[in-house]
Amino acid sequence: MKVTKGGTVSKLLAGVEIPRMFHAKQTFPRESISAEQIPGVVEEQIAQPQFSEKIKPGMNIAITAGSRGIRNVDIITKAVVDAVKRRGANPFIVPAMGSHGGATEDYEFMHACPQETISIDPRLRVQPFEVDGFFADDAPVTLGEVSVRTLLTLGHTCGCTSFFWDVENPADGARYTVGMHGGVGVNTMNDAYYTTSSYLTSALRDRFIADAERLMDLHVDIALPSRPNQIEILDRAGTYTDAAQPYLDATVWPDFLRERIRQVRDGSVG
């Protein structure tokens, strides 16, 4: 942080004697693996007995694949697939991110553009199936004693869904609204990404901004991230008690959405 003389920090410290300070910069080692080295490194890891001995010829092995900020995820995933194949097993890729397949638009996308999904076997692309039902903004999903309100919030993908539910504090009976936005990954909401798709367009980004501005008006007492890097919660891990409620802060939700809108408009990646 750069402190400007006469600024807010100076005013706060007026009359306070502080020691002399100076700027310092620390550089940490940043080991990296080139894209060309990835297949060899993956094979080296899978070749370890605790992994390789579990892979038997003829086994069907699911390989989960996410996308959150993983560089060369396509090369890594292919390297895992190849390593499994070399050991005589049958690998297949499954999506590891629930927010990517939860709504009508994603269902339509998977059928309209199967070529835009990763597949190692034509049989593993979207197969014919019947949908039992879809989430609806005006029809909460009841799970036991909890009713979850779902809102389709397009953005990172076209099937992203946000969730809201009420909880009761057993210590004093107070009720809180919990909210989680399911589609704030900025890395797919840019013109460069849209040029690679025949289905996803900038209208998805416009819809995200409109929805986020609308959602800011919702009162949320406890905001949860769909990924730990979206809302800071780990710094309070282990401190939760019914009496203390370290995550109770109604300002977090609108501030979080406001920042994500800024990132989308600025073209930031997150």
Protein backbone atom coordinates (compact mmCIF):
# COMPACT_ATOMS: atom_id res chain seq x y z
CA MET A 1 0.00 0.00 0.00
CA LYS A 2 1.34 3.42 -0.93
CA VAL A 3 0.67 6.08 1.71
CA THR A 4 0.39 9.69 0.52
CA LYS A 5 1.42 12.43 2.91
CA GLY A 6 -1.60 14.41 4.01
CA GLY A 7 -4.00 11.64 3.07
CA THR A 8 -6.47 9.64 5.14
CA VAL A 9 -3.80 7.54 6.85
CA SER A 10 -1.86 10.66 7.83
CA LYS A 11 -5.00 12.14 9.39
CA LEU A 12 -5.71 8.95 11.33
CA LEU A 13 -2.15 8.95 12.70
CA ALA A 14 -2.07 12.64 13.54
CA GLY A 15 -0.36 13.02 16.90
CA VAL A 16 0.77 9.39 16.95
CA GLU A 17 4.51 8.76 17.05
CA ILE A 18 5.43 5.89 14.75
CA PRO A 19 8.87 4.47 13.91
CA ARG A 20 10.58 5.22 10.63
CA MET A 21 9.45 2.87 7.86
CA PHE A 22 10.62 2.01 4.38
CA HIS A 23 9.29 0.08 1.38
CA ALA A 24 10.46 -3.51 1.06
CA LYS A 25 9.96 -6.03 -1.71
CA GLN A 26 10.32 -9.77 -1.28
CA THR A 27 10.57 -12.15 -4.20
CA PHE A 28 9.59 -15.78 -3.67
CA PRO A 29 10.78 -18.65 -5.87
CA ARG A 30 8.23 -19.45 -8.57
CA GLU A 31 8.93 -22.85 -10.00
CA SER A 32 7.07 -23.55 -13.21
CA ILE A 33 6.52 -26.38 -15.66
CA SER A 34 6.36 -25.63 -19.36
CA ALA A 35 3.46 -26.92 -21.43
CA GLU A 36 5.83 -29.32 -23.16
CA GLN A 37 6.85 -30.84 -19.83
CA ILE A 38 3.32 -31.41 -18.52
CA PRO A 39 2.66 -34.86 -20.07
CA GLY A 40 5.91 -36.22 -18.65
CA VAL A 41 5.27 -34.78 -15.20
CA VAL A 42 1.71 -36.14 -15.13
CA GLU A 43 2.94 -39.59 -16.16
CA GLU A 44 5.64 -39.46 -13.50
CA GLN A 45 3.06 -38.74 -10.81
CA ILE A 46 0.53 -41.33 -11.95
CA ALA A 47 3.31 -43.93 -12.23
CA GLN A 48 3.73 -43.84 -8.46
CA PRO A 49 2.54 -47.15 -6.97
CA GLN A 50 -0.21 -45.59 -4.82
CA PHE A 51 -1.86 -44.41 -8.05
CA SER A 52 -0.80 -46.79 -10.82
CA GLU A 53 -1.62 -49.94 -8.87
CA LYS A 54 -5.24 -48.81 -8.57
CA ILE A 55 -5.65 -48.63 -12.37
CA LYS A 56 -6.56 -52.07 -13.72
CA PRO A 57 -7.04 -53.04 -17.40
CA GLY A 58 -10.66 -52.80 -18.46
CA MET A 59 -11.68 -50.45 -15.65
CA ASN A 60 -13.93 -47.49 -16.48
CA ILE A 61 -12.34 -44.48 -14.79
CA ALA A 62 -14.01 -41.07 -14.47
CA ILE A 63 -11.73 -38.06 -14.76
CA THR A 64 -13.08 -34.84 -13.28
CA ALA A 65 -12.15 -31.62 -15.01
CA GLY A 66 -12.70 -28.08 -13.76
CA SER A 67 -11.51 -24.78 -15.19
CA ARG A 68 -11.07 -22.26 -12.39
CA GLY A 69 -7.83 -20.45 -13.18
CA ILE A 70 -5.93 -23.59 -14.16
CA ARG A 71 -3.43 -22.83 -16.88
CA ASN A 72 -3.08 -25.53 -19.56
CA VAL A 73 -6.02 -27.45 -18.09
CA ASP A 74 -6.64 -29.04 -21.51
CA ILE A 75 -3.07 -30.36 -21.71
CA ILE A 76 -3.21 -31.63 -18.14
CA THR A 77 -6.53 -33.39 -18.68
CA LYS A 78 -5.35 -35.03 -21.90
CA ALA A 79 -2.16 -36.18 -20.16
CA VAL A 80 -4.24 -37.86 -17.43
CA VAL A 81 -6.45 -39.49 -20.06
CA ASP A 82 -3.42 -40.80 -21.96
CA ALA A 83 -1.82 -42.13 -18.77
CA VAL A 84 -4.99 -44.05 -17.89
CA LYS A 85 -5.28 -45.44 -21.43
CA ARG A 86 -1.68 -46.64 -21.38
CA ARG A 87 -2.58 -48.82 -18.41
CA GLY A 88 -5.42 -50.50 -20.29
CA ALA A 89 -8.31 -48.69 -18.62
CA ASN A 90 -11.16 -46.76 -20.23
CA PRO A 91 -11.17 -43.11 -19.14
CA PHE A 92 -14.10 -40.72 -19.51
CA ILE A 93 -14.36 -37.06 -18.58
CA VAL A 94 -17.11 -35.79 -16.28
CA PRO A 95 -17.83 -32.13 -15.39
CA ALA A 96 -16.65 -31.24 -11.89
CA MET A 97 -18.49 -27.94 -11.54
CA GLY A 98 -22.14 -28.21 -10.63
CA SER A 99 -22.99 -24.65 -11.67
CA HIS A 100 -22.20 -25.55 -15.28
CA GLY A 101 -25.11 -27.88 -15.87
CA GLY A 102 -28.02 -26.86 -13.75
CA ALA A 103 -30.42 -25.04 -16.03
CA THR A 104 -32.37 -25.10 -19.27
CA GLU A 105 -29.87 -22.97 -21.20
CA ASP A 106 -26.97 -25.32 -20.47
CA TYR A 107 -29.14 -28.27 -21.50
CA GLU A 108 -29.82 -26.55 -24.81
CA PHE A 109 -26.17 -25.59 -25.21
CA MET A 110 -24.92 -29.16 -24.72
CA HIS A 111 -27.23 -30.37 -27.47
CA ALA A 112 -26.68 -27.41 -29.81
CA CYS A 113 -22.88 -27.38 -29.64
CA PRO A 114 -21.49 -30.75 -28.55
CA GLN A 115 -18.28 -29.89 -30.42
CA GLU A 116 -17.56 -27.21 -27.83
CA THR A 117 -17.29 -29.74 -25.02
CA ILE A 118 -14.20 -31.83 -24.33
CA SER A 119 -14.62 -35.48 -25.22
CA ILE A 120 -12.21 -38.38 -25.59
CA ASP A 121 -14.80 -40.71 -27.08
CA PRO A 122 -17.80 -39.82 -29.27
CA ARG A 123 -19.95 -42.05 -27.06
CA LEU A 124 -19.19 -39.78 -24.11
CA ARG A 125 -20.77 -36.67 -25.57
CA VAL A 126 -24.25 -35.68 -24.48
CA GLN A 127 -26.48 -38.71 -24.83
CA PRO A 128 -30.27 -38.64 -25.28
CA PHE A 129 -32.04 -38.28 -21.95
CA GLU A 130 -35.27 -36.97 -20.52
CA VAL A 131 -35.31 -34.15 -17.98
CA ASP A 132 -37.46 -34.75 -14.92
CA GLY A 133 -37.81 -31.03 -14.21
CA PHE A 134 -36.10 -27.65 -14.20
CA PHE A 135 -35.47 -25.13 -11.46
CA ALA A 136 -37.85 -22.18 -11.54
CA ASP A 137 -37.26 -18.75 -10.06
CA ASP A 138 -40.75 -18.75 -8.53
CA ALA A 139 -40.75 -22.33 -7.20
CA PRO A 140 -38.43 -22.96 -4.21
CA VAL A 141 -36.86 -26.38 -3.83
CA THR A 142 -37.66 -27.89 -0.44
CA LEU A 143 -35.04 -30.13 1.15
CA GLY A 144 -36.26 -31.38 4.50
CA GLU A 145 -36.96 -28.31 6.62
CA VAL A 146 -35.04 -25.97 4.31
CA SER A 147 -36.49 -24.26 1.24
CA VAL A 148 -33.94 -23.11 -1.30
CA ARG A 149 -34.85 -20.37 -3.74
CA THR A 150 -33.06 -20.74 -7.07
CA LEU A 151 -32.47 -17.92 -9.53
CA LEU A 152 -31.05 -18.46 -13.01
CA THR A 153 -28.08 -16.08 -13.20
CA LEU A 154 -26.31 -16.50 -16.51
CA GLY A 155 -22.69 -15.45 -16.68
CA HIS A 156 -19.69 -17.73 -16.48
CA THR A 157 -21.78 -20.25 -18.39
CA CYS A 158 -25.38 -20.22 -19.54
CA GLY A 159 -26.62 -22.58 -16.86
CA CYS A 160 -25.32 -20.87 -13.74
CA THR A 161 -27.75 -20.73 -10.83
CA SER A 162 -27.75 -18.72 -7.60
CA PHE A 163 -29.17 -20.07 -4.36
CA PHE A 164 -30.84 -18.39 -1.37
CA TRP A 165 -32.20 -19.94 1.83
CA ASP A 166 -33.04 -18.95 5.39
CA VAL A 167 -31.40 -20.39 8.50
CA GLU A 168 -32.25 -20.01 12.16
CA ASN A 169 -29.66 -19.36 14.85
CA PRO A 170 -30.27 -21.96 17.57
CA ALA A 171 -28.73 -19.64 20.16
CA ASP A 172 -31.30 -16.85 19.95
CA GLY A 173 -33.79 -17.80 17.23
CA ALA A 174 -32.63 -15.06 14.86
CA ARG A 175 -33.19 -15.82 11.17
CA TYR A 176 -30.64 -15.06 8.49
CA THR A 177 -30.77 -15.20 4.72
CA VAL A 178 -27.85 -17.00 3.10
CA GLY A 179 -26.93 -16.36 -0.54
CA MET A 180 -24.51 -17.88 -3.04
CA HIS A 181 -24.03 -16.69 -6.63
CA GLY A 182 -23.27 -19.56 -8.97
CA GLY A 183 -21.86 -17.84 -12.05
CA VAL A 184 -19.35 -15.09 -11.34
CA GLY A 185 -16.31 -16.55 -13.14
CA VAL A 186 -15.14 -13.57 -15.18
CA ASN A 187 -12.72 -15.53 -17.36
CA THR A 188 -15.43 -16.54 -19.87
CA MET A 189 -17.14 -13.15 -20.09
CA ASN A 190 -14.96 -11.37 -22.64
CA ASP A 191 -14.91 -10.81 -26.39
CA ALA A 192 -11.90 -13.07 -26.93
CA TYR A 193 -13.73 -16.01 -25.39
CA TYR A 194 -16.93 -15.35 -27.32
CA THR A 195 -15.08 -15.51 -30.65
CA THR A 196 -14.34 -19.19 -29.93
CA SER A 197 -17.99 -20.15 -29.49
CA SER A 198 -20.81 -20.46 -31.96
CA TYR A 199 -23.40 -20.41 -29.16
CA LEU A 200 -22.15 -18.18 -26.35
CA THR A 201 -22.23 -14.44 -27.14
CA SER A 202 -21.75 -11.09 -25.42
CA ALA A 203 -25.46 -11.19 -24.57
CA LEU A 204 -24.43 -13.57 -21.79
CA ARG A 205 -22.20 -10.86 -20.32
CA ASP A 206 -24.93 -8.24 -20.60
CA ARG A 207 -27.37 -10.57 -18.86
CA PHE A 208 -24.85 -11.20 -16.06
CA ILE A 209 -24.44 -7.49 -15.38
CA ALA A 210 -28.21 -6.88 -15.42
CA ASP A 211 -28.82 -9.83 -13.08
CA ALA A 212 -26.02 -8.83 -10.70
CA GLU A 213 -27.37 -5.29 -10.43
CA ARG A 214 -30.80 -6.75 -9.64
CA LEU A 215 -29.41 -9.20 -7.08
CA MET A 216 -27.62 -6.41 -5.21
CA ASP A 217 -31.05 -5.27 -4.00
CA LEU A 218 -31.68 -8.61 -2.29
CA HIS A 219 -30.95 -8.63 1.42
CA VAL A 220 -28.37 -11.32 2.21
CA ASP A 221 -27.07 -11.65 5.76
CA ILE A 222 -24.43 -14.29 5.03
CA ALA A 223 -22.77 -14.38 1.60
CA LEU A 224 -21.07 -17.62 0.61
CA PRO A 225 -18.66 -18.02 -2.31
CA SER A 226 -18.95 -20.83 -4.83
CA ARG A 227 -15.13 -20.76 -4.85
CA PRO A 228 -12.91 -19.78 -1.86
CA ASN A 229 -11.17 -17.03 -3.84
CA GLN A 230 -14.41 -15.11 -4.41
CA ILE A 231 -15.35 -14.11 -0.87
CA GLU A 232 -12.87 -14.25 2.01
CA ILE A 233 -14.07 -16.87 4.48
CA LEU A 234 -11.01 -18.98 5.23
CA ASP A 235 -9.54 -16.30 7.51
CA ARG A 236 -12.35 -17.05 9.98
CA ALA A 237 -12.26 -20.82 9.67
CA GLY A 238 -12.59 -22.49 13.05
CA THR A 239 -13.99 -19.39 14.77
CA TYR A 240 -17.68 -20.03 14.09
CA THR A 241 -20.05 -20.25 17.04
CA ASP A 242 -23.79 -19.65 17.20
CA ALA A 243 -23.14 -16.71 19.50
CA ALA A 244 -20.29 -15.11 17.53
CA GLN A 245 -21.53 -15.49 13.91
CA PRO A 246 -18.27 -14.37 12.21
CA TYR A 247 -19.82 -14.51 8.73
CA LEU A 248 -22.81 -12.30 9.50
CA ASP A 249 -22.32 -9.14 7.41
CA ALA A 250 -25.03 -7.80 5.10
CA THR A 251 -22.54 -5.50 3.29
CA VAL A 252 -20.53 -8.39 1.82
CA TRP A 253 -23.15 -9.45 -0.75
CA PRO A 254 -23.63 -6.11 -2.56
CA ASP A 255 -19.91 -5.29 -2.35
CA PHE A 256 -19.04 -8.67 -3.86
CA LEU A 257 -21.43 -8.25 -6.79
CA ARG A 258 -20.36 -4.66 -7.36
CA GLU A 259 -16.73 -5.76 -7.65
CA ARG A 260 -17.60 -8.59 -10.03
CA ILE A 261 -19.51 -6.19 -12.28
CA ARG A 262 -16.45 -3.95 -12.33
CA GLN A 263 -14.20 -6.86 -13.30
CA VAL A 264 -16.51 -7.89 -16.12
CA ARG A 265 -16.69 -4.36 -17.50
CA ASP A 266 -12.91 -3.91 -17.18
CA GLY A 267 -12.19 -7.27 -18.77
CA SER A 268 -10.40 -8.63 -15.69
CA VAL A 269 -9.94 -12.38 -15.29
CA GLY A 270 -11.19 -14.11 -12.16
